[in-house]
Structure formats: structure tokens, C-alpha cells
Amino acid sequence: MLTPEQEAIIVLCHSVHSVAEISALLRVPLGVARVLVADLADEGLVRLHLPRLDQGQPDLNLLERVLSGLRRL
């Protein structure tokens, strides 16, 4: 049985979100969001994607989404 937070993460993950964004949107600490997402990934309920870095440069879109999530805190 899933917790309400896990169900919310599954709904959020219909589009790509960083763990920081999930943390901010659910108003849970980042460490809690990491554990919840990892548990869901272990059960095959969400897929994790690592950001691809082009020539060592960070993905600006990802950084903008993280900054946006942090501003919501």
C-alpha cells in the first residue's frame, strides 16, 4: 500500500521532475523525498534519469527547475 506522499510522487512523475522539485512541491525535506523516490524506483513504479552533461557543462534547464523549486521553499 502506498502512502499519500508516494501516490503524489507517482502523479508528479508523469513528467520529469528533479528530486528537489518533488521535495518542494510536496513540502517534505529533501532527504525524505530522496528516500521515497528511491523506494518507488526499487519497486519499478518510477524511473530515475541522471542528467546528461554536455562537455562537462551542467544542464541549464535542470538548474533552472532546481532553482525554481528552491524558491518555493
PDB file of N, CA and C in Angstrom:
ATOM      1  N   MET A   1       0.849  -1.183   0.000  1.00  0.00           N
ATOM      2  CA  MET A   1       0.000   0.000   0.000  1.00  0.00           C
ATOM      3  C   MET A   1       0.886   1.235   0.000  1.00  0.00           C
ATOM      4  N   LEU A   2       0.545   2.189  -0.833  1.00  0.00           N
ATOM      5  CA  LEU A   2       1.336   3.403  -0.964  1.00  0.00           C
ATOM      6  C   LEU A   2       0.861   4.476   0.011  1.00  0.00           C
ATOM      7  N   THR A   3       1.825   5.290   0.458  1.00  0.00           N
ATOM      8  CA  THR A   3       1.479   6.435   1.303  1.00  0.00           C
ATOM      9  C   THR A   3       0.947   7.551   0.409  1.00  0.00           C
ATOM     10  N   PRO A   4       0.258   8.525   1.001  1.00  0.00           N
ATOM     11  CA  PRO A   4      -0.209   9.651   0.182  1.00  0.00           C
ATOM     12  C   PRO A   4       0.942  10.373  -0.527  1.00  0.00           C
ATOM     13  N   GLU A   5       2.107  10.470   0.133  1.00  0.00           N
ATOM     14  CA  GLU A   5       3.256  11.123  -0.489  1.00  0.00           C
ATOM     15  C   GLU A   5       3.751  10.321  -1.698  1.00  0.00           C
ATOM     16  N   GLN A   6       3.782   9.003  -1.565  1.00  0.00           N
ATOM     17  CA  GLN A   6       4.214   8.163  -2.686  1.00  0.00           C
ATOM     18  C   GLN A   6       3.247   8.278  -3.858  1.00  0.00           C
ATOM     19  N   GLU A   7       1.963   8.308  -3.570  1.00  0.00           N
ATOM     20  CA  GLU A   7       0.971   8.477  -4.636  1.00  0.00           C
ATOM     21  C   GLU A   7       1.154   9.820  -5.332  1.00  0.00           C
ATOM     22  N   ALA A   8       1.421  10.866  -4.548  1.00  0.00           N
ATOM     23  CA  ALA A   8       1.636  12.196  -5.127  1.00  0.00           C
ATOM     24  C   ALA A   8       2.883  12.204  -6.007  1.00  0.00           C
ATOM     25  N   ILE A   9       3.931  11.509  -5.587  1.00  0.00           N
ATOM     26  CA  ILE A   9       5.151  11.442  -6.389  1.00  0.00           C
ATOM     27  C   ILE A   9       4.872  10.743  -7.714  1.00  0.00           C
ATOM     28  N   ILE A  10       4.120   9.674  -7.685  1.00  0.00           N
ATOM     29  CA  ILE A  10       3.795   8.958  -8.924  1.00  0.00           C
ATOM     30  C   ILE A  10       3.035   9.874  -9.875  1.00  0.00           C
ATOM     31  N   VAL A  11       2.101  10.643  -9.357  1.00  0.00           N
ATOM     32  CA  VAL A  11       1.355  11.589 -10.200  1.00  0.00           C
ATOM     33  C   VAL A  11       2.300  12.647 -10.762  1.00  0.00           C
ATOM     34  N   LEU A  12       3.183  13.195  -9.902  1.00  0.00           N
ATOM     35  CA  LEU A  12       4.130  14.210 -10.361  1.00  0.00           C
ATOM     36  C   LEU A  12       5.061  13.666 -11.432  1.00  0.00           C
ATOM     37  N   CYS A  13       5.399  12.407 -11.332  1.00  0.00           N
ATOM     38  CA  CYS A  13       6.392  11.816 -12.229  1.00  0.00           C
ATOM     39  C   CYS A  13       5.825  11.434 -13.593  1.00  0.00           C
ATOM     40  N   HIS A  14       4.606  11.860 -13.895  1.00  0.00           N
ATOM     41  CA  HIS A  14       4.131  11.694 -15.266  1.00  0.00           C
ATOM     42  C   HIS A  14       4.913  12.620 -16.184  1.00  0.00           C
ATOM     43  N   SER A  15       5.543  13.649 -15.602  1.00  0.00           N
ATOM     44  CA  SER A  15       6.512  14.473 -16.325  1.00  0.00           C
ATOM     45  C   SER A  15       7.793  14.483 -15.499  1.00  0.00           C
ATOM     46  N   VAL A  16       8.870  14.877 -16.106  1.00  0.00           N
ATOM     47  CA  VAL A  16      10.176  14.817 -15.447  1.00  0.00           C
ATOM     48  C   VAL A  16      10.302  15.914 -14.400  1.00  0.00           C
ATOM     49  N   HIS A  17      10.685  15.500 -13.198  1.00  0.00           N
ATOM     50  CA  HIS A  17      10.947  16.439 -12.103  1.00  0.00           C
ATOM     51  C   HIS A  17      12.200  16.004 -11.378  1.00  0.00           C
ATOM     52  N   SER A  18      12.936  16.970 -10.867  1.00  0.00           N
ATOM     53  CA  SER A  18      14.080  16.637 -10.018  1.00  0.00           C
ATOM     54  C   SER A  18      13.566  16.257  -8.638  1.00  0.00           C
ATOM     55  N   VAL A  19      14.406  15.586  -7.879  1.00  0.00           N
ATOM     56  CA  VAL A  19      14.021  15.237  -6.512  1.00  0.00           C
ATOM     57  C   VAL A  19      13.827  16.512  -5.700  1.00  0.00           C
ATOM     58  N   ALA A  20      14.616  17.546  -5.985  1.00  0.00           N
ATOM     59  CA  ALA A  20      14.457  18.826  -5.288  1.00  0.00           C
ATOM     60  C   ALA A  20      13.085  19.439  -5.579  1.00  0.00           C
ATOM     61  N   GLU A  21      12.645  19.333  -6.820  1.00  0.00           N
ATOM     62  CA  GLU A  21      11.310  19.842  -7.163  1.00  0.00           C
ATOM     63  C   GLU A  21      10.229  19.056  -6.432  1.00  0.00           C
ATOM     64  N   ILE A  22      10.369  17.750  -6.405  1.00  0.00           N
ATOM     65  CA  ILE A  22       9.390  16.908  -5.708  1.00  0.00           C
ATOM     66  C   ILE A  22       9.356  17.284  -4.241  1.00  0.00           C
ATOM     67  N   SER A  23      10.518  17.467  -3.654  1.00  0.00           N
ATOM     68  CA  SER A  23      10.612  17.870  -2.251  1.00  0.00           C
ATOM     69  C   SER A  23       9.857  19.176  -2.010  1.00  0.00           C
ATOM     70  N   ALA A  24      10.108  20.156  -2.864  1.00  0.00           N
ATOM     71  CA  ALA A  24       9.464  21.456  -2.702  1.00  0.00           C
ATOM     72  C   ALA A  24       7.954  21.382  -2.913  1.00  0.00           C
ATOM     73  N   LEU A  25       7.524  20.665  -3.954  1.00  0.00           N
ATOM     74  CA  LEU A  25       6.101  20.575  -4.252  1.00  0.00           C
ATOM     75  C   LEU A  25       5.320  19.843  -3.160  1.00  0.00           C
ATOM     76  N   LEU A  26       5.940  18.830  -2.567  1.00  0.00           N
ATOM     77  CA  LEU A  26       5.265  18.070  -1.511  1.00  0.00           C
ATOM     78  C   LEU A  26       5.501  18.652  -0.123  1.00  0.00           C
ATOM     79  N   ARG A  27       6.406  19.640  -0.061  1.00  0.00           N
ATOM     80  CA  ARG A  27       6.751  20.271   1.223  1.00  0.00           C
ATOM     81  C   ARG A  27       7.272  19.254   2.230  1.00  0.00           C
ATOM     82  N   VAL A  28       8.193  18.408   1.741  1.00  0.00           N
ATOM     83  CA  VAL A  28       8.874  17.446   2.605  1.00  0.00           C
ATOM     84  C   VAL A  28      10.369  17.715   2.482  1.00  0.00           C
ATOM     85  N   PRO A  29      11.150  17.372   3.513  1.00  0.00           N
ATOM     86  CA  PRO A  29      12.595  17.573   3.421  1.00  0.00           C
ATOM     87  C   PRO A  29      13.191  16.795   2.241  1.00  0.00           C
ATOM     88  N   LEU A  30      14.269  17.320   1.692  1.00  0.00           N
ATOM     89  CA  LEU A  30      14.908  16.708   0.535  1.00  0.00           C
ATOM     90  C   LEU A  30      15.293  15.259   0.817  1.00  0.00           C
ATOM     91  N   GLY A  31      15.821  14.970   1.995  1.00  0.00           N
ATOM     92  CA  GLY A  31      16.204  13.603   2.340  1.00  0.00           C
ATOM     93  C   GLY A  31      15.023  12.652   2.323  1.00  0.00           C
ATOM     94  N   VAL A  32      13.878  13.130   2.780  1.00  0.00           N
ATOM     95  CA  VAL A  32      12.659  12.307   2.775  1.00  0.00           C
ATOM     96  C   VAL A  32      12.229  12.039   1.336  1.00  0.00           C
ATOM     97  N   ALA A  33      12.266  13.069   0.503  1.00  0.00           N
ATOM     98  CA  ALA A  33      11.892  12.898  -0.901  1.00  0.00           C
ATOM     99  C   ALA A  33      12.818  11.905  -1.589  1.00  0.00           C
ATOM    100  N   ARG A  34      14.114  11.970  -1.290  1.00  0.00           N
ATOM    101  CA  ARG A  34      15.068  11.026  -1.883  1.00  0.00           C
ATOM    102  C   ARG A  34      14.721   9.589  -1.519  1.00  0.00           C
ATOM    103  N   VAL A  35      14.412   9.359  -0.255  1.00  0.00           N
ATOM    104  CA  VAL A  35      14.076   8.005   0.192  1.00  0.00           C
ATOM    105  C   VAL A  35      12.789   7.528  -0.475  1.00  0.00           C
ATOM    106  N   LEU A  36      11.775   8.374  -0.512  1.00  0.00           N
ATOM    107  CA  LEU A  36      10.503   7.988  -1.122  1.00  0.00           C
ATOM    108  C   LEU A  36      10.677   7.660  -2.600  1.00  0.00           C
ATOM    109  N   VAL A  37      11.418   8.503  -3.310  1.00  0.00           N
ATOM    110  CA  VAL A  37      11.643   8.274  -4.737  1.00  0.00           C
ATOM    111  C   VAL A  37      12.454   6.998  -4.945  1.00  0.00           C
ATOM    112  N   ALA A  38      13.474   6.796  -4.134  1.00  0.00           N
ATOM    113  CA  ALA A  38      14.297   5.587  -4.262  1.00  0.00           C
ATOM    114  C   ALA A  38      13.472   4.331  -4.011  1.00  0.00           C
ATOM    115  N   ASP A  39      12.603   4.370  -3.008  1.00  0.00           N
ATOM    116  CA  ASP A  39      11.739   3.220  -2.726  1.00  0.00           C
ATOM    117  C   ASP A  39      10.813   2.929  -3.906  1.00  0.00           C
ATOM    118  N   LEU A  40      10.244   3.975  -4.490  1.00  0.00           N
ATOM    119  CA  LEU A  40       9.359   3.794  -5.642  1.00  0.00           C
ATOM    120  C   LEU A  40      10.134   3.255  -6.846  1.00  0.00           C
ATOM    121  N   ALA A  41      11.358   3.724  -7.017  1.00  0.00           N
ATOM    122  CA  ALA A  41      12.195   3.232  -8.117  1.00  0.00           C
ATOM    123  C   ALA A  41      12.549   1.762  -7.907  1.00  0.00           C
ATOM    124  N   ASP A  42      12.851   1.390  -6.667  1.00  0.00           N
ATOM    125  CA  ASP A  42      13.164  -0.016  -6.369  1.00  0.00           C
ATOM    126  C   ASP A  42      12.006  -0.939  -6.697  1.00  0.00           C
ATOM    127  N   GLU A  43      10.789  -0.427  -6.551  1.00  0.00           N
ATOM    128  CA  GLU A  43       9.601  -1.228  -6.838  1.00  0.00           C
ATOM    129  C   GLU A  43       9.165  -1.111  -8.306  1.00  0.00           C
ATOM    130  N   GLY A  44       9.917  -0.334  -9.088  1.00  0.00           N
ATOM    131  CA  GLY A  44       9.614  -0.187 -10.504  1.00  0.00           C
ATOM    132  C   GLY A  44       8.438   0.730 -10.793  1.00  0.00           C
ATOM    133  N   LEU A  45       8.076   1.583  -9.829  1.00  0.00           N
ATOM    134  CA  LEU A  45       6.918   2.463 -10.012  1.00  0.00           C
ATOM    135  C   LEU A  45       7.281   3.812 -10.625  1.00  0.00           C
ATOM    136  N   VAL A  46       8.545   4.195 -10.538  1.00  0.00           N
ATOM    137  CA  VAL A  46       9.051   5.393 -11.215  1.00  0.00           C
ATOM    138  C   VAL A  46      10.411   5.049 -11.795  1.00  0.00           C
ATOM    139  N   ARG A  47      10.821   5.800 -12.801  1.00  0.00           N
ATOM    140  CA  ARG A  47      12.140   5.612 -13.399  1.00  0.00           C
ATOM    141  C   ARG A  47      13.009   6.806 -13.060  1.00  0.00           C
ATOM    142  N   LEU A  48      14.245   6.534 -12.731  1.00  0.00           N
ATOM    143  CA  LEU A  48      15.200   7.595 -12.432  1.00  0.00           C
ATOM    144  C   LEU A  48      16.030   7.881 -13.673  1.00  0.00           C
ATOM    145  N   HIS A  49      16.263   9.146 -13.916  1.00  0.00           N
ATOM    146  CA  HIS A  49      17.092   9.573 -15.032  1.00  0.00           C
ATOM    147  C   HIS A  49      18.189  10.468 -14.495  1.00  0.00           C
ATOM    148  N   LEU A  50      19.413  10.153 -14.849  1.00  0.00           N
ATOM    149  CA  LEU A  50      20.520  11.016 -14.472  1.00  0.00           C
ATOM    150  C   LEU A  50      20.663  12.095 -15.531  1.00  0.00           C
ATOM    151  N   PRO A  51      20.930  13.326 -15.103  1.00  0.00           N
ATOM    152  CA  PRO A  51      21.097  14.387 -16.098  1.00  0.00           C
ATOM    153  C   PRO A  51      22.313  14.105 -16.974  1.00  0.00           C
ATOM    154  N   ARG A  52      22.173  14.374 -18.243  1.00  0.00           N
ATOM    155  CA  ARG A  52      23.302  14.212 -19.160  1.00  0.00           C
ATOM    156  C   ARG A  52      24.052  15.534 -19.211  1.00  0.00           C
ATOM    157  N   LEU A  53      25.320  15.451 -19.070  1.00  0.00           N
ATOM    158  CA  LEU A  53      26.148  16.650 -19.125  1.00  0.00           C
ATOM    159  C   LEU A  53      26.841  16.704 -20.486  1.00  0.00           C
ATOM    160  N   ASP A  54      26.673  17.817 -21.142  1.00  0.00           N
ATOM    161  CA  ASP A  54      27.319  18.014 -22.441  1.00  0.00           C
ATOM    162  C   ASP A  54      28.657  18.706 -22.223  1.00  0.00           C
ATOM    163  N   GLN A  55      29.719  18.016 -22.544  1.00  0.00           N
ATOM    164  CA  GLN A  55      31.079  18.536 -22.441  1.00  0.00           C
ATOM    165  C   GLN A  55      31.356  19.110 -21.058  1.00  0.00           C
ATOM    166  N   GLY A  56      30.846  18.456 -20.022  1.00  0.00           N
ATOM    167  CA  GLY A  56      31.134  18.883 -18.662  1.00  0.00           C
ATOM    168  C   GLY A  56      30.302  20.051 -18.163  1.00  0.00           C
ATOM    169  N   GLN A  57      29.408  20.560 -18.986  1.00  0.00           N
ATOM    170  CA  GLN A  57      28.572  21.693 -18.589  1.00  0.00           C
ATOM    171  C   GLN A  57      27.259  21.191 -18.014  1.00  0.00           C
ATOM    172  N   PRO A  58      26.797  21.785 -16.905  1.00  0.00           N
ATOM    173  CA  PRO A  58      25.521  21.340 -16.322  1.00  0.00           C
ATOM    174  C   PRO A  58      24.346  21.684 -17.234  1.00  0.00           C
ATOM    175  N   ASP A  59      23.290  20.925 -17.106  1.00  0.00           N
ATOM    176  CA  ASP A  59      22.067  21.148 -17.865  1.00  0.00           C
ATOM    177  C   ASP A  59      21.372  22.388 -17.297  1.00  0.00           C
ATOM    178  N   LEU A  60      21.333  23.465 -18.066  1.00  0.00           N
ATOM    179  CA  LEU A  60      20.762  24.722 -17.581  1.00  0.00           C
ATOM    180  C   LEU A  60      19.277  24.584 -17.260  1.00  0.00           C
ATOM    181  N   ASN A  61      18.561  23.786 -18.031  1.00  0.00           N
ATOM    182  CA  ASN A  61      17.137  23.568 -17.775  1.00  0.00           C
ATOM    183  C   ASN A  61      16.940  22.926 -16.402  1.00  0.00           C
ATOM    184  N   LEU A  62      17.757  21.922 -16.089  1.00  0.00           N
ATOM    185  CA  LEU A  62      17.682  21.278 -14.786  1.00  0.00           C
ATOM    186  C   LEU A  62      18.003  22.261 -13.677  1.00  0.00           C
ATOM    187  N   LEU A  63      19.051  23.050 -13.852  1.00  0.00           N
ATOM    188  CA  LEU A  63      19.417  24.030 -12.825  1.00  0.00           C
ATOM    189  C   LEU A  63      18.314  25.060 -12.606  1.00  0.00           C
ATOM    190  N   GLU A  64      17.650  25.480 -13.678  1.00  0.00           N
ATOM    191  CA  GLU A  64      16.548  26.431 -13.554  1.00  0.00           C
ATOM    192  C   GLU A  64      15.377  25.818 -12.801  1.00  0.00           C
ATOM    193  N   ARG A  65      15.082  24.529 -13.045  1.00  0.00           N
ATOM    194  CA  ARG A  65      13.995  23.858 -12.336  1.00  0.00           C
ATOM    195  C   ARG A  65      14.332  23.695 -10.852  1.00  0.00           C
ATOM    196  N   VAL A  66      15.587  23.373 -10.555  1.00  0.00           N
ATOM    197  CA  VAL A  66      16.011  23.243  -9.161  1.00  0.00           C
ATOM    198  C   VAL A  66      15.902  24.590  -8.464  1.00  0.00           C
ATOM    199  N   LEU A  67      16.374  25.653  -9.109  1.00  0.00           N
ATOM    200  CA  LEU A  67      16.283  26.990  -8.528  1.00  0.00           C
ATOM    201  C   LEU A  67      14.831  27.375  -8.281  1.00  0.00           C
ATOM    202  N   SER A  68      13.963  27.061  -9.221  1.00  0.00           N
ATOM    203  CA  SER A  68      12.544  27.354  -9.060  1.00  0.00           C
ATOM    204  C   SER A  68      11.972  26.610  -7.859  1.00  0.00           C
ATOM    205  N   GLY A  69      12.341  25.331  -7.728  1.00  0.00           N
ATOM    206  CA  GLY A  69      11.879  24.547  -6.576  1.00  0.00           C
ATOM    207  C   GLY A  69      12.390  25.114  -5.272  1.00  0.00           C
ATOM    208  N   LEU A  70      13.639  25.540  -5.245  1.00  0.00           N
ATOM    209  CA  LEU A  70      14.194  26.117  -4.024  1.00  0.00           C
ATOM    210  C   LEU A  70      13.503  27.425  -3.647  1.00  0.00           C
ATOM    211  N   ARG A  71      13.153  28.205  -4.650  1.00  0.00           N
ATOM    212  CA  ARG A  71      12.461  29.474  -4.368  1.00  0.00           C
ATOM    213  C   ARG A  71      11.081  29.235  -3.754  1.00  0.00           C
ATOM    214  N   ARG A  72      10.484  28.092  -4.051  1.00  0.00           N
ATOM    215  CA  ARG A  72       9.155  27.793  -3.488  1.00  0.00           C
ATOM    216  C   ARG A  72       9.217  27.389  -2.030  1.00  0.00           C
ATOM    217  N   LEU A  73      10.415  27.064  -1.542  1.00  0.00           N
ATOM    218  CA  LEU A  73      10.532  26.620  -0.149  1.00  0.00           C
ATOM    219  C   LEU A  73      10.204  27.719   0.825  1.00  0.00           C
TER     220      LEU A  73
END
